[in-house]
């Protein structure tokens, strides 16, 4: 949903603040799922994907914030691979 609302690298609705808000909500849900079952590799990948989505939403606005989420995404993905 965040990509459609306001990912600055794709055609979108121009609602970047809403994209960030929705993706942060999705990130909170993904984190709870991953924490509930630390051995669930799919949940970790979902969390990594959502971190990456949030990073993409921030890319055109706040590069430092984007970098934090993109690094987390890579770290989570590396745990699974």
Protein backbone atom coordinates (compact mmCIF):
# COMPACT_ATOMS: atom_id res chain seq x y z
CA UNK A 1 0.00 0.00 0.00
CA UNK A 2 2.81 2.40 0.86
CA UNK A 3 4.36 2.05 -2.58
CA UNK A 4 1.14 3.06 -4.28
CA UNK A 5 0.52 5.95 -1.89
CA UNK A 6 3.89 7.60 -2.04
CA UNK A 7 6.99 5.64 -3.05
CA UNK A 8 9.11 8.35 -4.64
CA UNK A 9 10.62 5.93 -7.19
CA UNK A 10 7.37 4.69 -8.73
CA UNK A 11 4.26 6.34 -10.07
CA UNK A 12 2.18 7.03 -6.99
CA UNK A 13 -0.59 9.14 -5.54
CA UNK A 14 1.82 11.68 -4.03
CA UNK A 15 0.76 10.90 -0.47
CA UNK A 16 4.20 10.22 0.97
CA UNK A 17 3.29 11.07 4.57
CA UNK A 18 0.37 8.66 4.38
CA UNK A 19 2.62 6.04 2.78
CA UNK A 20 5.04 6.35 5.69
CA UNK A 21 2.23 6.11 8.25
CA UNK A 22 0.65 3.03 6.66
CA UNK A 23 4.01 1.31 6.21
CA UNK A 24 5.00 2.05 9.83
CA UNK A 25 1.77 0.36 10.91
CA UNK A 26 2.58 -2.63 8.72
CA UNK A 27 6.09 -2.70 10.17
CA UNK A 28 4.72 -2.83 13.72
CA UNK A 29 2.51 -5.78 12.79
CA UNK A 30 5.34 -7.60 11.01
CA UNK A 31 7.63 -7.05 14.01
CA UNK A 32 5.05 -8.52 16.41
CA UNK A 33 4.61 -11.57 14.20
CA UNK A 34 8.37 -12.10 13.89
CA UNK A 35 8.90 -11.66 17.64
CA UNK A 36 6.12 -14.12 18.47
CA UNK A 37 7.94 -16.90 16.62
CA UNK A 38 11.67 -16.18 16.25
CA UNK A 39 12.20 -19.39 14.25
CA UNK A 40 9.67 -18.37 11.60
CA UNK A 41 11.84 -17.49 8.61
CA UNK A 42 8.90 -16.27 6.55
CA UNK A 43 8.01 -13.78 9.27
CA UNK A 44 11.59 -12.50 9.28
CA UNK A 45 11.50 -12.05 5.51
CA UNK A 46 8.17 -10.24 5.77
CA UNK A 47 9.72 -7.95 8.36
CA UNK A 48 12.75 -7.36 6.13
CA UNK A 49 10.50 -6.58 3.17
CA UNK A 50 8.45 -4.12 5.20
CA UNK A 51 11.60 -2.41 6.51
CA UNK A 52 12.74 -2.06 2.90
CA UNK A 53 9.38 -0.62 1.87
CA UNK A 54 9.59 1.97 4.63
CA UNK A 55 13.12 2.83 3.56
CA UNK A 56 11.90 3.36 0.01
CA UNK A 57 9.15 5.67 1.21
CA UNK A 58 11.73 7.81 3.01
CA UNK A 59 14.31 7.84 0.19
CA UNK A 60 13.20 11.03 -1.50
CA UNK A 61 12.56 12.86 1.77
CA UNK A 62 15.00 11.84 4.47
CA UNK A 63 17.95 9.82 3.24
CA UNK A 64 19.29 9.13 6.74
CA UNK A 65 15.96 7.66 7.86
CA UNK A 66 15.79 5.63 4.66
CA UNK A 67 19.28 4.24 5.26
CA UNK A 68 18.36 3.06 8.77
CA UNK A 69 15.42 1.02 7.47
CA UNK A 70 17.26 -0.30 4.45
CA UNK A 71 20.16 -1.48 6.61
CA UNK A 72 17.73 -3.22 8.97
CA UNK A 73 16.13 -4.92 5.96
CA UNK A 74 19.49 -6.23 4.77
CA UNK A 75 20.39 -7.44 8.26
CA UNK A 76 17.12 -9.32 8.64
CA UNK A 77 17.40 -10.88 5.20
CA UNK A 78 20.96 -12.00 5.94
CA UNK A 79 19.72 -13.80 9.07
CA UNK A 80 17.44 -15.91 6.91
CA UNK A 81 19.89 -16.57 4.09
